[in-house]
Amino acid sequence: MEAEKWGRRIRAFRKLKGYTQESFAKDLGVSVSVLGEIERGNRVPTESFIKNVADILNITITELTPKNTN
């Protein structure tokens, strides 16, 4: 569940900033398949990955962090 929330947030911000999966994966230094697995919620992103995503997208980690909807 947590992985899905991270993946949706990362994908939404990536698209909002105009990145394709290919260009974003290249900037992150990961393969498109790794980025795809994270965006689909099949892989939990590491803290360093999350920091890199936020840095490249020029947003804060707080903005990227999924909100609790309990």
PDB file of N, CA and C in Angstrom:
ATOM      1  N   MET A   1       0.834  -1.197   0.000  1.00  0.00           N
ATOM      2  CA  MET A   1       0.000   0.000   0.000  1.00  0.00           C
ATOM      3  C   MET A   1       0.871   1.250   0.000  1.00  0.00           C
ATOM      4  N   GLU A   2       1.853   1.295   0.861  1.00  0.00           N
ATOM      5  CA  GLU A   2       2.733   2.470   0.936  1.00  0.00           C
ATOM      6  C   GLU A   2       3.487   2.670  -0.381  1.00  0.00           C
ATOM      7  N   ALA A   3       3.937   1.573  -0.973  1.00  0.00           N
ATOM      8  CA  ALA A   3       4.662   1.671  -2.242  1.00  0.00           C
ATOM      9  C   ALA A   3       3.768   2.262  -3.331  1.00  0.00           C
ATOM     10  N   GLU A   4       2.489   1.871  -3.337  1.00  0.00           N
ATOM     11  CA  GLU A   4       1.555   2.407  -4.334  1.00  0.00           C
ATOM     12  C   GLU A   4       1.389   3.912  -4.176  1.00  0.00           C
ATOM     13  N   LYS A   5       1.298   4.371  -2.940  1.00  0.00           N
ATOM     14  CA  LYS A   5       1.122   5.811  -2.691  1.00  0.00           C
ATOM     15  C   LYS A   5       2.339   6.587  -3.178  1.00  0.00           C
ATOM     16  N   TRP A   6       3.538   6.090  -2.870  1.00  0.00           N
ATOM     17  CA  TRP A   6       4.757   6.760  -3.340  1.00  0.00           C
ATOM     18  C   TRP A   6       4.783   6.779  -4.859  1.00  0.00           C
ATOM     19  N   GLY A   7       4.470   5.640  -5.459  1.00  0.00           N
ATOM     20  CA  GLY A   7       4.507   5.543  -6.915  1.00  0.00           C
ATOM     21  C   GLY A   7       3.564   6.519  -7.588  1.00  0.00           C
ATOM     22  N   ARG A   8       2.343   6.613  -7.072  1.00  0.00           N
ATOM     23  CA  ARG A   8       1.369   7.551  -7.655  1.00  0.00           C
ATOM     24  C   ARG A   8       1.845   8.989  -7.529  1.00  0.00           C
ATOM     25  N   ARG A   9       2.417   9.336  -6.384  1.00  0.00           N
ATOM     26  CA  ARG A   9       2.896  10.703  -6.172  1.00  0.00           C
ATOM     27  C   ARG A   9       4.058  11.027  -7.110  1.00  0.00           C
ATOM     28  N   ILE A  10       5.006  10.108  -7.207  1.00  0.00           N
ATOM     29  CA  ILE A  10       6.164  10.321  -8.075  1.00  0.00           C
ATOM     30  C   ILE A  10       5.712  10.471  -9.524  1.00  0.00           C
ATOM     31  N   ARG A  11       4.823   9.587  -9.976  1.00  0.00           N
ATOM     32  CA  ARG A  11       4.333   9.658 -11.357  1.00  0.00           C
ATOM     33  C   ARG A  11       3.591  10.977 -11.609  1.00  0.00           C
ATOM     34  N   ALA A  12       2.748  11.380 -10.675  1.00  0.00           N
ATOM     35  CA  ALA A  12       1.972  12.613 -10.850  1.00  0.00           C
ATOM     36  C   ALA A  12       2.885  13.836 -10.960  1.00  0.00           C
ATOM     37  N   PHE A  13       3.871  13.928 -10.064  1.00  0.00           N
ATOM     38  CA  PHE A  13       4.783  15.074 -10.115  1.00  0.00           C
ATOM     39  C   PHE A  13       5.677  15.024 -11.348  1.00  0.00           C
ATOM     40  N   ARG A  14       6.095  13.820 -11.751  1.00  0.00           N
ATOM     41  CA  ARG A  14       6.917  13.687 -12.961  1.00  0.00           C
ATOM     42  C   ARG A  14       6.154  14.229 -14.165  1.00  0.00           C
ATOM     43  N   LYS A  15       4.904  13.819 -14.303  1.00  0.00           N
ATOM     44  CA  LYS A  15       4.094  14.276 -15.436  1.00  0.00           C
ATOM     45  C   LYS A  15       3.820  15.774 -15.347  1.00  0.00           C
ATOM     46  N   LEU A  16       3.547  16.251 -14.141  1.00  0.00           N
ATOM     47  CA  LEU A  16       3.281  17.670 -13.947  1.00  0.00           C
ATOM     48  C   LEU A  16       4.468  18.522 -14.395  1.00  0.00           C
ATOM     49  N   LYS A  17       5.675  18.013 -14.168  1.00  0.00           N
ATOM     50  CA  LYS A  17       6.883  18.749 -14.545  1.00  0.00           C
ATOM     51  C   LYS A  17       7.316  18.478 -15.988  1.00  0.00           C
ATOM     52  N   GLY A  18       6.546  17.654 -16.711  1.00  0.00           N
ATOM     53  CA  GLY A  18       6.797  17.456 -18.135  1.00  0.00           C
ATOM     54  C   GLY A  18       7.842  16.412 -18.490  1.00  0.00           C
ATOM     55  N   TYR A  19       8.173  15.530 -17.567  1.00  0.00           N
ATOM     56  CA  TYR A  19       9.157  14.482 -17.845  1.00  0.00           C
ATOM     57  C   TYR A  19       8.481  13.235 -18.401  1.00  0.00           C
ATOM     58  N   THR A  20       9.145  12.587 -19.354  1.00  0.00           N
ATOM     59  CA  THR A  20       8.750  11.238 -19.750  1.00  0.00           C
ATOM     60  C   THR A  20       9.423  10.280 -18.775  1.00  0.00           C
ATOM     61  N   GLN A  21       8.960   9.042 -18.763  1.00  0.00           N
ATOM     62  CA  GLN A  21       9.630   8.050 -17.916  1.00  0.00           C
ATOM     63  C   GLN A  21      11.089   7.905 -18.325  1.00  0.00           C
ATOM     64  N   GLU A  22      11.335   7.914 -19.620  1.00  0.00           N
ATOM     65  CA  GLU A  22      12.697   7.715 -20.124  1.00  0.00           C
ATOM     66  C   GLU A  22      13.629   8.838 -19.687  1.00  0.00           C
ATOM     67  N   SER A  23      13.190  10.081 -19.868  1.00  0.00           N
ATOM     68  CA  SER A  23      14.071  11.200 -19.513  1.00  0.00           C
ATOM     69  C   SER A  23      14.254  11.306 -18.004  1.00  0.00           C
ATOM     70  N   PHE A  24      13.200  11.010 -17.253  1.00  0.00           N
ATOM     71  CA  PHE A  24      13.292  11.101 -15.799  1.00  0.00           C
ATOM     72  C   PHE A  24      14.200  10.006 -15.249  1.00  0.00           C
ATOM     73  N   ALA A  25      14.046   8.790 -15.779  1.00  0.00           N
ATOM     74  CA  ALA A  25      14.904   7.684 -15.343  1.00  0.00           C
ATOM     75  C   ALA A  25      16.368   8.008 -15.623  1.00  0.00           C
ATOM     76  N   LYS A  26      16.635   8.592 -16.789  1.00  0.00           N
ATOM     77  CA  LYS A  26      18.013   8.955 -17.144  1.00  0.00           C
ATOM     78  C   LYS A  26      18.568   9.975 -16.152  1.00  0.00           C
ATOM     79  N   ASP A  27      17.784  11.004 -15.838  1.00  0.00           N
ATOM     80  CA  ASP A  27      18.239  12.017 -14.883  1.00  0.00           C
ATOM     81  C   ASP A  27      18.463  11.433 -13.485  1.00  0.00           C
ATOM     82  N   LEU A  28      17.647  10.432 -13.126  1.00  0.00           N
ATOM     83  CA  LEU A  28      17.788   9.789 -11.818  1.00  0.00           C
ATOM     84  C   LEU A  28      18.939   8.780 -11.786  1.00  0.00           C
ATOM     85  N   GLY A  29      19.372   8.350 -12.962  1.00  0.00           N
ATOM     86  CA  GLY A  29      20.434   7.350 -13.028  1.00  0.00           C
ATOM     87  C   GLY A  29      19.939   5.941 -12.757  1.00  0.00           C
ATOM     88  N   VAL A  30      18.666   5.690 -13.110  1.00  0.00           N
ATOM     89  CA  VAL A  30      18.103   4.346 -12.964  1.00  0.00           C
ATOM     90  C   VAL A  30      17.518   3.924 -14.303  1.00  0.00           C
ATOM     91  N   SER A  31      17.215   2.644 -14.426  1.00  0.00           N
ATOM     92  CA  SER A  31      16.602   2.165 -15.657  1.00  0.00           C
ATOM     93  C   SER A  31      15.121   2.535 -15.676  1.00  0.00           C
ATOM     94  N   VAL A  32      14.564   2.554 -16.867  1.00  0.00           N
ATOM     95  CA  VAL A  32      13.131   2.826 -17.012  1.00  0.00           C
ATOM     96  C   VAL A  32      12.330   1.750 -16.289  1.00  0.00           C
ATOM     97  N   SER A  33      12.815   0.517 -16.305  1.00  0.00           N
ATOM     98  CA  SER A  33      12.073  -0.557 -15.641  1.00  0.00           C
ATOM     99  C   SER A  33      12.024  -0.354 -14.128  1.00  0.00           C
ATOM    100  N   VAL A  34      13.110   0.124 -13.532  1.00  0.00           N
ATOM    101  CA  VAL A  34      13.107   0.406 -12.090  1.00  0.00           C
ATOM    102  C   VAL A  34      12.123   1.532 -11.779  1.00  0.00           C
ATOM    103  N   LEU A  35      12.177   2.609 -12.546  1.00  0.00           N
ATOM    104  CA  LEU A  35      11.244   3.715 -12.335  1.00  0.00           C
ATOM    105  C   LEU A  35       9.807   3.237 -12.508  1.00  0.00           C
ATOM    106  N   GLY A  36       9.563   2.427 -13.526  1.00  0.00           N
ATOM    107  CA  GLY A  36       8.220   1.889 -13.756  1.00  0.00           C
ATOM    108  C   GLY A  36       7.732   1.043 -12.600  1.00  0.00           C
ATOM    109  N   GLU A  37       8.599   0.209 -12.049  1.00  0.00           N
ATOM    110  CA  GLU A  37       8.216  -0.618 -10.901  1.00  0.00           C
ATOM    111  C   GLU A  37       7.845   0.246  -9.706  1.00  0.00           C
ATOM    112  N   ILE A  38       8.597   1.321  -9.489  1.00  0.00           N
ATOM    113  CA  ILE A  38       8.295   2.224  -8.383  1.00  0.00           C
ATOM    114  C   ILE A  38       6.975   2.937  -8.631  1.00  0.00           C
ATOM    115  N   GLU A  39       6.776   3.441  -9.839  1.00  0.00           N
ATOM    116  CA  GLU A  39       5.542   4.163 -10.147  1.00  0.00           C
ATOM    117  C   GLU A  39       4.307   3.268 -10.074  1.00  0.00           C
ATOM    118  N   ARG A  40       4.452   1.987 -10.389  1.00  0.00           N
ATOM    119  CA  ARG A  40       3.329   1.048 -10.305  1.00  0.00           C
ATOM    120  C   ARG A  40       3.111   0.521  -8.889  1.00  0.00           C
ATOM    121  N   GLY A  41       4.022   0.836  -7.976  1.00  0.00           N
ATOM    122  CA  GLY A  41       3.875   0.372  -6.600  1.00  0.00           C
ATOM    123  C   GLY A  41       4.413  -1.016  -6.354  1.00  0.00           C
ATOM    124  N   ASN A  42       5.221  -1.533  -7.271  1.00  0.00           N
ATOM    125  CA  ASN A  42       5.805  -2.860  -7.110  1.00  0.00           C
ATOM    126  C   ASN A  42       7.134  -2.833  -6.370  1.00  0.00           C
ATOM    127  N   ARG A  43       7.659  -1.647  -6.148  1.00  0.00           N
ATOM    128  CA  ARG A  43       8.950  -1.491  -5.469  1.00  0.00           C
ATOM    129  C   ARG A  43       8.879  -0.247  -4.600  1.00  0.00           C
ATOM    130  N   VAL A  44       9.356  -0.368  -3.369  1.00  0.00           N
ATOM    131  CA  VAL A  44       9.368   0.774  -2.453  1.00  0.00           C
ATOM    132  C   VAL A  44      10.624   1.602  -2.718  1.00  0.00           C
ATOM    133  N   PRO A  45      10.465   2.914  -2.948  1.00  0.00           N
ATOM    134  CA  PRO A  45      11.647   3.742  -3.196  1.00  0.00           C
ATOM    135  C   PRO A  45      12.471   3.929  -1.925  1.00  0.00           C
ATOM    136  N   THR A  46      13.788   3.996  -2.084  1.00  0.00           N
ATOM    137  CA  THR A  46      14.670   4.244  -0.944  1.00  0.00           C
ATOM    138  C   THR A  46      14.631   5.731  -0.588  1.00  0.00           C
ATOM    139  N   GLU A  47      15.137   6.045   0.586  1.00  0.00           N
ATOM    140  CA  GLU A  47      15.187   7.448   1.001  1.00  0.00           C
ATOM    141  C   GLU A  47      16.030   8.279   0.040  1.00  0.00           C
ATOM    142  N   SER A  48      17.153   7.725  -0.413  1.00  0.00           N
ATOM    143  CA  SER A  48      18.011   8.483  -1.328  1.00  0.00           C
ATOM    144  C   SER A  48      17.332   8.672  -2.684  1.00  0.00           C
ATOM    145  N   PHE A  49      16.563   7.683  -3.128  1.00  0.00           N
ATOM    146  CA  PHE A  49      15.818   7.815  -4.380  1.00  0.00           C
ATOM    147  C   PHE A  49      14.791   8.937  -4.254  1.00  0.00           C
ATOM    148  N   ILE A  50      14.068   8.959  -3.143  1.00  0.00           N
ATOM    149  CA  ILE A  50      13.054   9.991  -2.909  1.00  0.00           C
ATOM    150  C   ILE A  50      13.696  11.371  -2.892  1.00  0.00           C
ATOM    151  N   LYS A  51      14.849  11.484  -2.252  1.00  0.00           N
ATOM    152  CA  LYS A  51      15.550  12.774  -2.212  1.00  0.00           C
ATOM    153  C   LYS A  51      15.954  13.206  -3.618  1.00  0.00           C
ATOM    154  N   ASN A  52      16.475  12.275  -4.413  1.00  0.00           N
ATOM    155  CA  ASN A  52      16.858  12.592  -5.795  1.00  0.00           C
ATOM    156  C   ASN A  52      15.656  13.027  -6.622  1.00  0.00           C
ATOM    157  N   VAL A  53      14.531  12.342  -6.455  1.00  0.00           N
ATOM    158  CA  VAL A  53      13.309  12.713  -7.180  1.00  0.00           C
ATOM    159  C   VAL A  53      12.924  14.146  -6.839  1.00  0.00           C
ATOM    160  N   ALA A  54      12.887  14.449  -5.552  1.00  0.00           N
ATOM    161  CA  ALA A  54      12.504  15.799  -5.118  1.00  0.00           C
ATOM    162  C   ALA A  54      13.477  16.840  -5.661  1.00  0.00           C
ATOM    163  N   ASP A  55      14.767  16.550  -5.614  1.00  0.00           N
ATOM    164  CA  ASP A  55      15.769  17.496  -6.112  1.00  0.00           C
ATOM    165  C   ASP A  55      15.603  17.760  -7.610  1.00  0.00           C
ATOM    166  N   ILE A  56      15.443  16.708  -8.380  1.00  0.00           N
ATOM    167  CA  ILE A  56      15.323  16.860  -9.832  1.00  0.00           C
ATOM    168  C   ILE A  56      14.032  17.595 -10.203  1.00  0.00           C
ATOM    169  N   LEU A  57      12.957  17.308  -9.486  1.00  0.00           N
ATOM    170  CA  LEU A  57      11.685  17.952  -9.780  1.00  0.00           C
ATOM    171  C   LEU A  57      11.564  19.340  -9.145  1.00  0.00           C
ATOM    172  N   ASN A  58      12.562  19.704  -8.365  1.00  0.00           N
ATOM    173  CA  ASN A  58      12.581  21.009  -7.699  1.00  0.00           C
ATOM    174  C   ASN A  58      11.364  21.198  -6.784  1.00  0.00           C
ATOM    175  N   ILE A  59      11.088  20.133  -6.003  1.00  0.00           N
ATOM    176  CA  ILE A  59      10.041  20.178  -4.986  1.00  0.00           C
ATOM    177  C   ILE A  59      10.630  19.683  -3.674  1.00  0.00           C
ATOM    178  N   THR A  60       9.907  19.893  -2.595  1.00  0.00           N
ATOM    179  CA  THR A  60      10.393  19.411  -1.301  1.00  0.00           C
ATOM    180  C   THR A  60       9.966  17.958  -1.101  1.00  0.00           C
ATOM    181  N   ILE A  61      10.680  17.277  -0.231  1.00  0.00           N
ATOM    182  CA  ILE A  61      10.310  15.908   0.119  1.00  0.00           C
ATOM    183  C   ILE A  61       8.925  15.914   0.771  1.00  0.00           C
ATOM    184  N   THR A  62       8.606  16.946   1.521  1.00  0.00           N
ATOM    185  CA  THR A  62       7.292  17.066   2.162  1.00  0.00           C
ATOM    186  C   THR A  62       6.194  17.109   1.105  1.00  0.00           C
ATOM    187  N   GLU A  63       6.404  17.859   0.017  1.00  0.00           N
ATOM    188  CA  GLU A  63       5.410  17.917  -1.063  1.00  0.00           C
ATOM    189  C   GLU A  63       5.206  16.547  -1.706  1.00  0.00           C
ATOM    190  N   LEU A  64       6.305  15.803  -1.826  1.00  0.00           N
ATOM    191  CA  LEU A  64       6.268  14.504  -2.490  1.00  0.00           C
ATOM    192  C   LEU A  64       5.674  13.415  -1.602  1.00  0.00           C
ATOM    193  N   THR A  65       5.805  13.567  -0.297  1.00  0.00           N
ATOM    194  CA  THR A  65       5.372  12.530   0.646  1.00  0.00           C
ATOM    195  C   THR A  65       3.855  12.321   0.579  1.00  0.00           C
ATOM    196  N   PRO A  66       3.421  11.059   0.436  1.00  0.00           N
ATOM    197  CA  PRO A  66       1.982  10.780   0.405  1.00  0.00           C
ATOM    198  C   PRO A  66       1.305  11.210   1.713  1.00  0.00           C
ATOM    199  N   LYS A  67       0.130  11.737   1.570  1.00  0.00           N
ATOM    200  CA  LYS A  67      -0.638  12.165   2.736  1.00  0.00           C
ATOM    201  C   LYS A  67      -1.379  10.979   3.321  1.00  0.00           C
ATOM    202  N   ASN A  68      -1.496  10.926   4.637  1.00  0.00           N
ATOM    203  CA  ASN A  68      -2.276   9.880   5.292  1.00  0.00           C
ATOM    204  C   ASN A  68      -3.754  10.219   5.150  1.00  0.00           C
ATOM    205  N   THR A  69      -4.512   9.275   4.647  1.00  0.00           N
ATOM    206  CA  THR A  69      -5.946   9.500   4.443  1.00  0.00           C
ATOM    207  C   THR A  69      -6.774   8.571   5.322  1.00  0.00           C
ATOM    208  N   ASN A  70      -6.331   8.375   6.549  1.00  0.00           N
ATOM    209  CA  ASN A  70      -7.053   7.471   7.462  1.00  0.00           C
ATOM    210  C   ASN A  70      -8.182   8.185   8.133  1.00  0.00           C
TER     211      ASN A  70
END
